[in-house]
């Protein structure tokens, strides 16, 4: 087993609605190794996004603990959590949250400036490198309303990677995209993982999840099963025989889980 960079221990999340308790997460125990690409799947309402937000410290936990890079985030205050997320975490969502009055480049470099890990010239250089690699350098001075959904999501990925995060959290990152744009974003996630980023992703897409090393199946706030897929060889190419086989393997397992 490799180094554990993220661990949930007996993690619980309960919401009280009109006097009734809704146990969204129930005693979740989960370990994520450095360099893993892990997908969380399950039916709607199973607690997938809640798990992602709670384990990243974006939402409070009701009980249990989360150890991130050796630190117990359940003991951190909001200021400490904000700093941790800025310095060691990256986030990409289905809804592409970017500041409307800033250019694409400005949105990407802002977390780099805020973190203060490098000078502005160095942050700008890294942003340009990321944008060239992601094929969106031509959008640098455009506003967010002047680019396609696929370009905007790749810009969100560049922003998430600007501070070289320990873990990249992705919540349905391809959910609002067409199939072509989805595979372009997925390809970049696979490449980011190859370069060392640990990824924890929520997805409903079998094709997207098939590129993961491991799939966790969540139902009623509880982990019901795990499927080890191993690393992808080569690129996330929709036409590749490898991805077709992985997707077929995943679909069979999901059917067994009651998908």
C-alpha atoms as a PDB file:
ATOM      1  CA  UNK A   1       0.000   0.000   0.000  1.00  0.00           C
ATOM      2  CA  UNK A   2       1.234   3.492  -0.867  1.00  0.00           C
ATOM      3  CA  UNK A   3       1.178   6.579   1.322  1.00  0.00           C
ATOM      4  CA  UNK A   4      -2.297   7.563   2.536  1.00  0.00           C
ATOM      5  CA  UNK A   5      -2.999  11.228   1.785  1.00  0.00           C
ATOM      6  CA  UNK A   6      -6.705  11.302   2.704  1.00  0.00           C
ATOM      7  CA  UNK A   7      -8.616   9.176   5.206  1.00  0.00           C
ATOM      8  CA  UNK A   8     -12.137   9.244   6.613  1.00  0.00           C
ATOM      9  CA  UNK A   9     -12.746   7.451   9.906  1.00  0.00           C
ATOM     10  CA  UNK A  10     -16.329   6.679  11.000  1.00  0.00           C
ATOM     11  CA  UNK A  11     -17.458   9.781   9.110  1.00  0.00           C
ATOM     12  CA  UNK A  12     -21.110  10.736   9.647  1.00  0.00           C
ATOM     13  CA  UNK A  13     -23.228  13.579   8.327  1.00  0.00           C
ATOM     14  CA  UNK A  14     -26.758  14.192   9.604  1.00  0.00           C
ATOM     15  CA  UNK A  15     -29.178  16.939   8.600  1.00  0.00           C
ATOM     16  CA  UNK A  16     -32.119  17.900  10.798  1.00  0.00           C
ATOM     17  CA  UNK A  17     -35.134  18.858   8.671  1.00  0.00           C
ATOM     18  CA  UNK A  18     -38.437  19.755  10.363  1.00  0.00           C
ATOM     19  CA  UNK A  19     -37.342  17.899  13.462  1.00  0.00           C
ATOM     20  CA  UNK A  20     -36.424  14.722  11.598  1.00  0.00           C
ATOM     21  CA  UNK A  21     -32.882  13.366  11.267  1.00  0.00           C
ATOM     22  CA  UNK A  22     -31.598  12.565   7.797  1.00  0.00           C
ATOM     23  CA  UNK A  23     -28.444  10.444   8.071  1.00  0.00           C
ATOM     24  CA  UNK A  24     -26.795  11.257   4.752  1.00  0.00           C
ATOM     25  CA  UNK A  25     -23.455   9.611   5.603  1.00  0.00           C
ATOM     26  CA  UNK A  26     -23.194   6.683   7.998  1.00  0.00           C
ATOM     27  CA  UNK A  27     -19.840   5.643   9.476  1.00  0.00           C
ATOM     28  CA  UNK A  28     -17.847   6.064   6.268  1.00  0.00           C
ATOM     29  CA  UNK A  29     -14.343   4.585   6.401  1.00  0.00           C
ATOM     30  CA  UNK A  30     -12.235   5.387   3.365  1.00  0.00           C
ATOM     31  CA  UNK A  31      -8.547   5.664   2.501  1.00  0.00           C
ATOM     32  CA  UNK A  32      -7.156   7.402  -0.581  1.00  0.00           C
ATOM     33  CA  UNK A  33      -3.532   6.786  -1.535  1.00  0.00           C
ATOM     34  CA  UNK A  34      -1.250   9.385  -3.063  1.00  0.00           C
ATOM     35  CA  UNK A  35      -1.553   9.311  -6.845  1.00  0.00           C
ATOM     36  CA  UNK A  36      -4.865   7.418  -6.900  1.00  0.00           C
ATOM     37  CA  UNK A  37      -7.747   8.329  -9.207  1.00  0.00           C
ATOM     38  CA  UNK A  38     -10.909   7.333  -7.338  1.00  0.00           C
ATOM     39  CA  UNK A  39     -14.494   7.730  -8.542  1.00  0.00           C
ATOM     40  CA  UNK A  40     -17.574   7.725  -6.316  1.00  0.00           C
ATOM     41  CA  UNK A  41     -20.733   6.344  -7.920  1.00  0.00           C
ATOM     42  CA  UNK A  42     -24.225   5.505  -6.717  1.00  0.00           C
ATOM     43  CA  UNK A  43     -27.884   6.424  -7.230  1.00  0.00           C
ATOM     44  CA  UNK A  44     -29.167   9.972  -6.802  1.00  0.00           C
ATOM     45  CA  UNK A  45     -29.486  10.848  -3.135  1.00  0.00           C
ATOM     46  CA  UNK A  46     -26.918   8.282  -2.021  1.00  0.00           C
ATOM     47  CA  UNK A  47     -24.679  10.960  -0.459  1.00  0.00           C
ATOM     48  CA  UNK A  48     -21.956  11.182  -3.127  1.00  0.00           C
ATOM     49  CA  UNK A  49     -21.593  14.963  -3.222  1.00  0.00           C
ATOM     50  CA  UNK A  50     -22.063  15.226   0.530  1.00  0.00           C
ATOM     51  CA  UNK A  51     -19.159  12.812   0.986  1.00  0.00           C
ATOM     52  CA  UNK A  52     -16.992  14.890  -1.347  1.00  0.00           C
ATOM     53  CA  UNK A  53     -17.811  18.162   0.408  1.00  0.00           C
ATOM     54  CA  UNK A  54     -17.468  16.731   3.913  1.00  0.00           C
ATOM     55  CA  UNK A  55     -14.195  14.932   3.291  1.00  0.00           C
ATOM     56  CA  UNK A  56     -12.725  18.122   1.789  1.00  0.00           C
ATOM     57  CA  UNK A  57     -13.841  20.272   4.731  1.00  0.00           C
ATOM     58  CA  UNK A  58     -16.300  22.296   2.635  1.00  0.00           C
ATOM     59  CA  UNK A  59     -19.143  20.969   4.777  1.00  0.00           C
ATOM     60  CA  UNK A  60     -19.161  20.190   8.496  1.00  0.00           C
ATOM     61  CA  UNK A  61     -19.123  16.591   9.663  1.00  0.00           C
ATOM     62  CA  UNK A  62     -21.493  15.404  12.386  1.00  0.00           C
ATOM     63  CA  UNK A  63     -19.149  12.747  13.766  1.00  0.00           C
ATOM     64  CA  UNK A  64     -15.910  10.979  12.952  1.00  0.00           C
ATOM     65  CA  UNK A  65     -12.741  12.495  11.585  1.00  0.00           C
ATOM     66  CA  UNK A  66     -10.923  13.219   8.344  1.00  0.00           C
ATOM     67  CA  UNK A  67      -7.132  13.081   8.107  1.00  0.00           C
ATOM     68  CA  UNK A  68      -5.739  15.091   5.211  1.00  0.00           C
ATOM     69  CA  UNK A  69      -2.000  14.959   4.577  1.00  0.00           C
ATOM     70  CA  UNK A  70      -1.434  13.955   8.204  1.00  0.00           C
ATOM     71  CA  UNK A  71      -3.676  16.661   9.708  1.00  0.00           C
ATOM     72  CA  UNK A  72      -7.046  16.157  11.399  1.00  0.00           C
ATOM     73  CA  UNK A  73      -9.272  18.665   9.599  1.00  0.00           C
ATOM     74  CA  UNK A  74     -12.140  18.020  12.025  1.00  0.00           C
ATOM     75  CA  UNK A  75     -10.155  20.022  14.588  1.00  0.00           C
ATOM     76  CA  UNK A  76      -9.505  22.994  12.279  1.00  0.00           C
ATOM     77  CA  UNK A  77     -11.360  26.297  12.424  1.00  0.00           C
ATOM     78  CA  UNK A  78     -12.780  27.913   9.282  1.00  0.00           C
ATOM     79  CA  UNK A  79      -9.714  30.104   8.719  1.00  0.00           C
ATOM     80  CA  UNK A  80      -7.422  27.061   8.872  1.00  0.00           C
ATOM     81  CA  UNK A  81      -9.709  25.079   6.567  1.00  0.00           C
ATOM     82  CA  UNK A  82      -9.834  27.915   4.041  1.00  0.00           C
ATOM     83  CA  UNK A  83      -6.047  28.080   3.995  1.00  0.00           C
ATOM     84  CA  UNK A  84      -5.764  24.297   3.661  1.00  0.00           C
ATOM     85  CA  UNK A  85      -8.157  24.223   0.703  1.00  0.00           C
ATOM     86  CA  UNK A  86      -6.287  27.040  -0.998  1.00  0.00           C
ATOM     87  CA  UNK A  87      -2.825  25.540  -0.486  1.00  0.00           C
ATOM     88  CA  UNK A  88      -3.376  21.794  -0.857  1.00  0.00           C
ATOM     89  CA  UNK A  89      -6.730  21.183  -2.559  1.00  0.00           C
ATOM     90  CA  UNK A  90      -8.155  21.850  -5.989  1.00  0.00           C
ATOM     91  CA  UNK A  91     -11.841  21.853  -6.921  1.00  0.00           C
ATOM     92  CA  UNK A  92     -13.753  21.429 -10.169  1.00  0.00           C
ATOM     93  CA  UNK A  93     -17.557  21.286 -10.258  1.00  0.00           C
ATOM     94  CA  UNK A  94     -20.383  20.666 -12.712  1.00  0.00           C
ATOM     95  CA  UNK A  95     -21.373  24.295 -12.284  1.00  0.00           C
ATOM     96  CA  UNK A  96     -18.382  26.256 -13.532  1.00  0.00           C
ATOM     97  CA  UNK A  97     -17.961  28.879 -10.847  1.00  0.00           C
ATOM     98  CA  UNK A  98     -15.841  31.758 -12.131  1.00  0.00           C
ATOM     99  CA  UNK A  99     -15.903  35.489 -11.472  1.00  0.00           C
ATOM    100  CA  UNK A 100     -17.786  37.218 -14.263  1.00  0.00           C
ATOM    101  CA  UNK A 101     -15.857  40.487 -14.208  1.00  0.00           C
ATOM    102  CA  UNK A 102     -12.476  38.803 -14.638  1.00  0.00           C
ATOM    103  CA  UNK A 103     -10.894  37.351 -17.757  1.00  0.00           C
ATOM    104  CA  UNK A 104     -10.203  33.622 -18.027  1.00  0.00           C
ATOM    105  CA  UNK A 105      -6.529  34.245 -17.211  1.00  0.00           C
ATOM    106  CA  UNK A 106      -7.387  36.410 -14.205  1.00  0.00           C
ATOM    107  CA  UNK A 107      -9.684  33.696 -12.845  1.00  0.00           C
ATOM    108  CA  UNK A 108      -6.959  31.079 -13.193  1.00  0.00           C
ATOM    109  CA  UNK A 109      -4.158  33.074 -11.540  1.00  0.00           C
ATOM    110  CA  UNK A 110      -6.230  34.453  -8.642  1.00  0.00           C
ATOM    111  CA  UNK A 111      -5.821  31.410  -6.328  1.00  0.00           C
ATOM    112  CA  UNK A 112      -2.085  31.468  -7.117  1.00  0.00           C
ATOM    113  CA  UNK A 113      -1.834  35.085  -6.039  1.00  0.00           C
ATOM    114  CA  UNK A 114      -3.888  34.399  -2.900  1.00  0.00           C
ATOM    115  CA  UNK A 115      -1.749  31.417  -1.868  1.00  0.00           C
ATOM    116  CA  UNK A 116       1.461  33.410  -2.124  1.00  0.00           C
ATOM    117  CA  UNK A 117       3.529  30.295  -2.787  1.00  0.00           C
ATOM    118  CA  UNK A 118       5.297  32.009  -5.694  1.00  0.00           C
ATOM    119  CA  UNK A 119       5.726  35.465  -7.168  1.00  0.00           C
ATOM    120  CA  UNK A 120       3.135  36.782  -9.617  1.00  0.00           C
ATOM    121  CA  UNK A 121       5.426  36.354 -12.614  1.00  0.00           C
ATOM    122  CA  UNK A 122       5.908  32.693 -11.751  1.00  0.00           C
ATOM    123  CA  UNK A 123       2.155  32.199 -11.237  1.00  0.00           C
ATOM    124  CA  UNK A 124       1.451  33.877 -14.595  1.00  0.00           C
ATOM    125  CA  UNK A 125       4.009  31.639 -16.297  1.00  0.00           C
ATOM    126  CA  UNK A 126       2.466  28.498 -14.792  1.00  0.00           C
ATOM    127  CA  UNK A 127      -1.028  29.634 -15.790  1.00  0.00           C
ATOM    128  CA  UNK A 128       0.119  30.116 -19.381  1.00  0.00           C
ATOM    129  CA  UNK A 129       1.751  26.677 -19.380  1.00  0.00           C
ATOM    130  CA  UNK A 130      -1.437  25.076 -18.053  1.00  0.00           C
ATOM    131  CA  UNK A 131      -3.590  26.893 -20.596  1.00  0.00           C
ATOM    132  CA  UNK A 132      -1.327  25.838 -23.477  1.00  0.00           C
ATOM    133  CA  UNK A 133      -1.366  22.219 -22.299  1.00  0.00           C
ATOM    134  CA  UNK A 134      -5.155  22.322 -21.968  1.00  0.00           C
ATOM    135  CA  UNK A 135      -5.539  23.933 -25.390  1.00  0.00           C
ATOM    136  CA  UNK A 136      -7.188  27.157 -24.196  1.00  0.00           C
ATOM    137  CA  UNK A 137      -4.398  29.741 -24.378  1.00  0.00           C
ATOM    138  CA  UNK A 138      -6.390  31.683 -26.967  1.00  0.00           C
ATOM    139  CA  UNK A 139      -9.109  32.326 -24.346  1.00  0.00           C
ATOM    140  CA  UNK A 140      -6.752  34.077 -21.902  1.00  0.00           C
ATOM    141  CA  UNK A 141      -8.155  37.595 -22.348  1.00  0.00           C
ATOM    142  CA  UNK A 142     -11.753  36.575 -22.979  1.00  0.00           C
ATOM    143  CA  UNK A 143     -14.567  36.849 -20.473  1.00  0.00           C
ATOM    144  CA  UNK A 144     -16.292  33.691 -19.262  1.00  0.00           C
ATOM    145  CA  UNK A 145     -19.350  34.386 -21.441  1.00  0.00           C
ATOM    146  CA  UNK A 146     -17.167  34.389 -24.574  1.00  0.00           C
ATOM    147  CA  UNK A 147     -15.968  30.772 -24.442  1.00  0.00           C
ATOM    148  CA  UNK A 148     -17.558  27.350 -24.901  1.00  0.00           C
ATOM    149  CA  UNK A 149     -18.578  25.090 -22.023  1.00  0.00           C
ATOM    150  CA  UNK A 150     -15.679  22.749 -22.723  1.00  0.00           C
ATOM    151  CA  UNK A 151     -13.181  25.608 -22.770  1.00  0.00           C
ATOM    152  CA  UNK A 152     -14.604  27.003 -19.540  1.00  0.00           C
ATOM    153  CA  UNK A 153     -14.380  23.646 -17.769  1.00  0.00           C
ATOM    154  CA  UNK A 154     -10.752  23.244 -18.872  1.00  0.00           C
ATOM    155  CA  UNK A 155     -10.131  26.738 -17.511  1.00  0.00           C
ATOM    156  CA  UNK A 156     -11.670  25.593 -14.206  1.00  0.00           C
ATOM    157  CA  UNK A 157      -9.260  22.648 -14.246  1.00  0.00           C
ATOM    158  CA  UNK A 158      -6.309  24.994 -14.858  1.00  0.00           C
ATOM    159  CA  UNK A 159      -7.443  27.117 -11.916  1.00  0.00           C
ATOM    160  CA  UNK A 160      -7.739  23.984  -9.743  1.00  0.00           C
ATOM    161  CA  UNK A 161      -4.183  22.948 -10.653  1.00  0.00           C
ATOM    162  CA  UNK A 162      -2.507  26.364 -10.316  1.00  0.00           C
ATOM    163  CA  UNK A 163      -1.253  25.664  -6.763  1.00  0.00           C
ATOM    164  CA  UNK A 164      -0.231  22.037  -7.484  1.00  0.00           C
ATOM    165  CA  UNK A 165      -2.838  20.587  -5.090  1.00  0.00           C
ATOM    166  CA  UNK A 166      -2.287  17.451  -3.078  1.00  0.00           C
ATOM    167  CA  UNK A 167      -5.802  16.283  -3.969  1.00  0.00           C
ATOM    168  CA  UNK A 168      -8.123  17.384  -6.757  1.00  0.00           C
ATOM    169  CA  UNK A 169     -11.828  17.076  -5.859  1.00  0.00           C
ATOM    170  CA  UNK A 170     -14.200  16.860  -8.830  1.00  0.00           C
ATOM    171  CA  UNK A 171     -18.008  16.852  -8.554  1.00  0.00           C
ATOM    172  CA  UNK A 172     -19.594  15.761 -11.860  1.00  0.00           C
ATOM    173  CA  UNK A 173     -16.949  17.715 -13.848  1.00  0.00           C
ATOM    174  CA  UNK A 174     -18.366  16.520 -17.188  1.00  0.00           C
ATOM    175  CA  UNK A 175     -22.049  16.586 -16.217  1.00  0.00           C
ATOM    176  CA  UNK A 176     -22.895  19.796 -18.102  1.00  0.00           C
ATOM    177  CA  UNK A 177     -20.821  19.017 -21.218  1.00  0.00           C
ATOM    178  CA  UNK A 178     -21.497  17.244 -24.503  1.00  0.00           C
ATOM    179  CA  UNK A 179     -19.718  13.948 -25.188  1.00  0.00           C
ATOM    180  CA  UNK A 180     -16.791  15.504 -27.085  1.00  0.00           C
ATOM    181  CA  UNK A 181     -16.106  18.160 -24.451  1.00  0.00           C
ATOM    182  CA  UNK A 182     -16.565  15.566 -21.694  1.00  0.00           C
ATOM    183  CA  UNK A 183     -13.825  13.365 -23.123  1.00  0.00           C
ATOM    184  CA  UNK A 184     -11.508  16.349 -23.572  1.00  0.00           C
ATOM    185  CA  UNK A 185     -11.889  17.241 -19.890  1.00  0.00           C
ATOM    186  CA  UNK A 186     -11.565  13.595 -18.876  1.00  0.00           C
ATOM    187  CA  UNK A 187      -8.362  13.282 -20.889  1.00  0.00           C
ATOM    188  CA  UNK A 188      -6.908  16.219 -18.959  1.00  0.00           C
ATOM    189  CA  UNK A 189      -7.936  14.720 -15.618  1.00  0.00           C
ATOM    190  CA  UNK A 190      -6.154  11.491 -16.556  1.00  0.00           C
ATOM    191  CA  UNK A 191      -3.074  13.476 -17.581  1.00  0.00           C
ATOM    192  CA  UNK A 192      -3.133  15.455 -14.311  1.00  0.00           C
ATOM    193  CA  UNK A 193      -3.306  12.160 -12.417  1.00  0.00           C
ATOM    194  CA  UNK A 194      -0.332  10.799 -14.385  1.00  0.00           C
ATOM    195  CA  UNK A 195       1.617  13.886 -13.374  1.00  0.00           C
ATOM    196  CA  UNK A 196       0.982  13.157  -9.701  1.00  0.00           C
ATOM    197  CA  UNK A 197      -2.357  14.695  -8.737  1.00  0.00           C
ATOM    198  CA  UNK A 198      -4.554  12.525  -6.518  1.00  0.00           C
ATOM    199  CA  UNK A 199      -8.169  12.726  -7.730  1.00  0.00           C
ATOM    200  CA  UNK A 200     -11.424  12.030  -5.904  1.00  0.00           C
ATOM    201  CA  UNK A 201     -14.367  12.410  -8.301  1.00  0.00           C
ATOM    202  CA  UNK A 202     -18.143  12.047  -8.151  1.00  0.00           C
ATOM    203  CA  UNK A 203     -19.699  10.960 -11.446  1.00  0.00           C
ATOM    204  CA  UNK A 204     -22.777   9.308 -12.934  1.00  0.00           C
ATOM    205  CA  UNK A 205     -20.954   8.537 -16.186  1.00  0.00           C
ATOM    206  CA  UNK A 206     -19.746   4.983 -16.692  1.00  0.00           C
ATOM    207  CA  UNK A 207     -17.355   6.119 -19.424  1.00  0.00           C
ATOM    208  CA  UNK A 208     -15.824   8.764 -17.148  1.00  0.00           C
ATOM    209  CA  UNK A 209     -15.560   6.426 -14.146  1.00  0.00           C
ATOM    210  CA  UNK A 210     -13.979   3.714 -16.327  1.00  0.00           C
ATOM    211  CA  UNK A 211     -10.803   5.812 -16.435  1.00  0.00           C
ATOM    212  CA  UNK A 212     -10.443   5.630 -12.643  1.00  0.00           C
ATOM    213  CA  UNK A 213      -8.106   3.339 -10.719  1.00  0.00           C
ATOM    214  CA  UNK A 214     -10.855   2.484  -8.240  1.00  0.00           C
ATOM    215  CA  UNK A 215     -14.627   2.949  -8.033  1.00  0.00           C
ATOM    216  CA  UNK A 216     -16.514   3.267  -4.757  1.00  0.00           C
ATOM    217  CA  UNK A 217     -20.232   2.486  -4.776  1.00  0.00           C
ATOM    218  CA  UNK A 218     -22.296   4.497  -2.314  1.00  0.00           C
ATOM    219  CA  UNK A 219     -25.912   3.781  -1.367  1.00  0.00           C
ATOM    220  CA  UNK A 220     -27.959   5.307   1.447  1.00  0.00           C
ATOM    221  CA  UNK A 221     -24.860   7.009   2.818  1.00  0.00           C
ATOM    222  CA  UNK A 222     -22.895   3.787   3.127  1.00  0.00           C
ATOM    223  CA  UNK A 223     -20.090   2.263   1.050  1.00  0.00           C
ATOM    224  CA  UNK A 224     -21.546  -0.921  -0.432  1.00  0.00           C
ATOM    225  CA  UNK A 225     -18.631  -2.021  -2.592  1.00  0.00           C
ATOM    226  CA  UNK A 226     -15.369  -1.160  -4.351  1.00  0.00           C
ATOM    227  CA  UNK A 227     -14.028  -2.112  -7.768  1.00  0.00           C
ATOM    228  CA  UNK A 228     -10.285  -2.032  -8.504  1.00  0.00           C
ATOM    229  CA  UNK A 229      -9.646  -1.066 -12.124  1.00  0.00           C
ATOM    230  CA  UNK A 230      -5.939  -0.210 -12.096  1.00  0.00           C
ATOM    231  CA  UNK A 231      -4.224   2.548 -14.052  1.00  0.00           C
ATOM    232  CA  UNK A 232      -5.145   3.429 -17.610  1.00  0.00           C
ATOM    233  CA  UNK A 233      -2.479   2.642 -20.200  1.00  0.00           C
ATOM    234  CA  UNK A 234      -2.176   5.545 -22.604  1.00  0.00           C
ATOM    235  CA  UNK A 235      -4.783   8.261 -23.081  1.00  0.00           C
ATOM    236  CA  UNK A 236      -8.479   8.472 -22.243  1.00  0.00           C
ATOM    237  CA  UNK A 237      -9.541   7.813 -25.824  1.00  0.00           C
ATOM    238  CA  UNK A 238     -13.224   6.935 -26.362  1.00  0.00           C
ATOM    239  CA  UNK A 239     -12.320   4.766 -29.340  1.00  0.00           C
ATOM    240  CA  UNK A 240      -9.659   2.779 -27.550  1.00  0.00           C
ATOM    241  CA  UNK A 241     -10.248  -0.926 -27.023  1.00  0.00           C
ATOM    242  CA  UNK A 242      -8.891  -0.540 -23.485  1.00  0.00           C
ATOM    243  CA  UNK A 243     -11.540   1.974 -22.437  1.00  0.00           C
ATOM    244  CA  UNK A 244     -14.320  -0.071 -24.045  1.00  0.00           C
ATOM    245  CA  UNK A 245     -13.219  -3.127 -22.031  1.00  0.00           C
ATOM    246  CA  UNK A 246     -12.975  -1.120 -18.800  1.00  0.00           C
ATOM    247  CA  UNK A 247     -16.399   0.388 -19.344  1.00  0.00           C
ATOM    248  CA  UNK A 248     -17.874  -3.072 -19.988  1.00  0.00           C
ATOM    249  CA  UNK A 249     -16.251  -4.400 -16.799  1.00  0.00           C
ATOM    250  CA  UNK A 250     -17.585  -1.456 -14.809  1.00  0.00           C
ATOM    251  CA  UNK A 251     -21.107  -1.776 -16.222  1.00  0.00           C
ATOM    252  CA  UNK A 252     -21.266  -5.440 -15.235  1.00  0.00           C
ATOM    253  CA  UNK A 253     -20.139  -4.630 -11.697  1.00  0.00           C
ATOM    254  CA  UNK A 254     -22.625  -1.764 -11.387  1.00  0.00           C
ATOM    255  CA  UNK A 255     -25.434  -4.071 -12.426  1.00  0.00           C
ATOM    256  CA  UNK A 256     -24.359  -6.487  -9.685  1.00  0.00           C
ATOM    257  CA  UNK A 257     -24.453  -3.586  -7.219  1.00  0.00           C
ATOM    258  CA  UNK A 258     -28.015  -2.724  -8.276  1.00  0.00           C
ATOM    259  CA  UNK A 259     -27.198   0.318 -10.418  1.00  0.00           C
END
